[in-house]
């Protein structure tokens, strides 16, 4: 299966479970790092790289926001 299809599946199912109700709780930096590490683990396994710059490029070119930015956007939506 191609990487694009796999990422669509991961984003549709795994990310929703990973970020379930995250906008309604206070997260420490350790919690944010743990969530980011879990999400980046998918990229490490799927694309065979653990380079942070490369993973950021993959996020950008595939149209995914960094996880911390997505959490912030969910919080803004939750509070408005």
C-alpha atoms as a PDB file:
ATOM      1  CA  UNK A   1       0.000   0.000   0.000  1.00  0.00           C
ATOM      2  CA  UNK A   2       1.356   3.445  -0.806  1.00  0.00           C
ATOM      3  CA  UNK A   3       2.470   5.888   1.875  1.00  0.00           C
ATOM      4  CA  UNK A   4      -0.204   8.444   1.009  1.00  0.00           C
ATOM      5  CA  UNK A   5      -3.010   5.946   1.568  1.00  0.00           C
ATOM      6  CA  UNK A   6      -1.423   4.715   4.794  1.00  0.00           C
ATOM      7  CA  UNK A   7      -1.108   8.266   6.112  1.00  0.00           C
ATOM      8  CA  UNK A   8      -4.739   8.946   5.254  1.00  0.00           C
ATOM      9  CA  UNK A   9      -5.749   5.898   7.279  1.00  0.00           C
ATOM     10  CA  UNK A  10      -3.489   6.830  10.199  1.00  0.00           C
ATOM     11  CA  UNK A  11      -4.796  10.386  10.159  1.00  0.00           C
ATOM     12  CA  UNK A  12      -8.414   9.284   9.948  1.00  0.00           C
ATOM     13  CA  UNK A  13      -8.296   6.699  12.715  1.00  0.00           C
ATOM     14  CA  UNK A  14      -5.156   6.783  14.843  1.00  0.00           C
ATOM     15  CA  UNK A  15      -4.828  10.542  15.146  1.00  0.00           C
ATOM     16  CA  UNK A  16      -8.445  10.868  16.237  1.00  0.00           C
ATOM     17  CA  UNK A  17      -7.870   8.346  19.011  1.00  0.00           C
ATOM     18  CA  UNK A  18      -4.554   9.944  19.957  1.00  0.00           C
ATOM     19  CA  UNK A  19      -6.106  13.406  20.240  1.00  0.00           C
ATOM     20  CA  UNK A  20      -9.473  12.400  21.722  1.00  0.00           C
ATOM     21  CA  UNK A  21     -10.694  15.208  24.054  1.00  0.00           C
ATOM     22  CA  UNK A  22      -7.192  16.717  24.192  1.00  0.00           C
ATOM     23  CA  UNK A  23      -8.617  20.218  23.865  1.00  0.00           C
ATOM     24  CA  UNK A  24     -10.503  19.954  27.152  1.00  0.00           C
ATOM     25  CA  UNK A  25      -7.582  19.058  29.447  1.00  0.00           C
ATOM     26  CA  UNK A  26      -4.404  20.819  30.498  1.00  0.00           C
ATOM     27  CA  UNK A  27      -1.342  19.206  28.930  1.00  0.00           C
ATOM     28  CA  UNK A  28       2.147  19.544  30.329  1.00  0.00           C
ATOM     29  CA  UNK A  29       5.174  19.780  28.057  1.00  0.00           C
ATOM     30  CA  UNK A  30       5.873  16.138  28.877  1.00  0.00           C
ATOM     31  CA  UNK A  31       2.365  15.191  27.700  1.00  0.00           C
ATOM     32  CA  UNK A  32       2.801  17.172  24.469  1.00  0.00           C
ATOM     33  CA  UNK A  33       6.180  15.556  23.834  1.00  0.00           C
ATOM     34  CA  UNK A  34       4.689  12.111  24.397  1.00  0.00           C
ATOM     35  CA  UNK A  35       1.839  12.763  21.949  1.00  0.00           C
ATOM     36  CA  UNK A  36       4.229  14.221  19.369  1.00  0.00           C
ATOM     37  CA  UNK A  37       6.594  11.277  19.768  1.00  0.00           C
ATOM     38  CA  UNK A  38       3.727   8.836  19.226  1.00  0.00           C
ATOM     39  CA  UNK A  39       2.523  10.634  16.094  1.00  0.00           C
ATOM     40  CA  UNK A  40       6.051  10.970  14.696  1.00  0.00           C
ATOM     41  CA  UNK A  41       6.594   7.247  15.312  1.00  0.00           C
ATOM     42  CA  UNK A  42       4.185   6.577  12.462  1.00  0.00           C
ATOM     43  CA  UNK A  43       6.359   8.656  10.122  1.00  0.00           C
ATOM     44  CA  UNK A  44       9.519   6.948  11.388  1.00  0.00           C
ATOM     45  CA  UNK A  45       8.132   3.489  10.645  1.00  0.00           C
ATOM     46  CA  UNK A  46       6.392   4.332   7.375  1.00  0.00           C
ATOM     47  CA  UNK A  47       9.113   6.444   5.773  1.00  0.00           C
ATOM     48  CA  UNK A  48      12.142   4.845   7.432  1.00  0.00           C
ATOM     49  CA  UNK A  49      13.611   8.032   8.874  1.00  0.00           C
ATOM     50  CA  UNK A  50      14.034   9.476  12.337  1.00  0.00           C
ATOM     51  CA  UNK A  51      15.484  12.816  11.224  1.00  0.00           C
ATOM     52  CA  UNK A  52      13.320  15.625  12.679  1.00  0.00           C
ATOM     53  CA  UNK A  53      13.925  17.900   9.694  1.00  0.00           C
ATOM     54  CA  UNK A  54      12.899  15.207   7.260  1.00  0.00           C
ATOM     55  CA  UNK A  55       9.750  14.438   9.254  1.00  0.00           C
ATOM     56  CA  UNK A  56       8.862  18.147   9.323  1.00  0.00           C
ATOM     57  CA  UNK A  57       9.283  18.243   5.537  1.00  0.00           C
ATOM     58  CA  UNK A  58       7.019  15.211   5.177  1.00  0.00           C
ATOM     59  CA  UNK A  59       4.403  16.914   7.379  1.00  0.00           C
ATOM     60  CA  UNK A  60       4.600  20.032   5.241  1.00  0.00           C
ATOM     61  CA  UNK A  61       4.455  18.360   1.833  1.00  0.00           C
ATOM     62  CA  UNK A  62       1.664  15.973   2.835  1.00  0.00           C
ATOM     63  CA  UNK A  63      -0.407  18.842   4.233  1.00  0.00           C
ATOM     64  CA  UNK A  64      -0.314  17.905   7.924  1.00  0.00           C
ATOM     65  CA  UNK A  65       0.048  20.475  10.655  1.00  0.00           C
ATOM     66  CA  UNK A  66       2.545  19.862  13.434  1.00  0.00           C
ATOM     67  CA  UNK A  67       0.705  18.084  16.239  1.00  0.00           C
ATOM     68  CA  UNK A  68       1.160  20.936  18.734  1.00  0.00           C
ATOM     69  CA  UNK A  69      -0.352  23.381  16.226  1.00  0.00           C
ATOM     70  CA  UNK A  70      -3.290  21.062  15.630  1.00  0.00           C
ATOM     71  CA  UNK A  71      -3.892  20.763  19.383  1.00  0.00           C
ATOM     72  CA  UNK A  72      -3.830  24.568  19.686  1.00  0.00           C
ATOM     73  CA  UNK A  73      -6.342  24.872  16.822  1.00  0.00           C
ATOM     74  CA  UNK A  74      -8.626  22.349  18.531  1.00  0.00           C
ATOM     75  CA  UNK A  75      -8.432  24.351  21.765  1.00  0.00           C
ATOM     76  CA  UNK A  76      -9.389  27.563  19.970  1.00  0.00           C
ATOM     77  CA  UNK A  77     -12.369  25.809  18.413  1.00  0.00           C
ATOM     78  CA  UNK A  78     -13.354  24.340  21.767  1.00  0.00           C
ATOM     79  CA  UNK A  79     -13.316  27.672  23.573  1.00  0.00           C
ATOM     80  CA  UNK A  80     -15.179  29.623  20.853  1.00  0.00           C
END
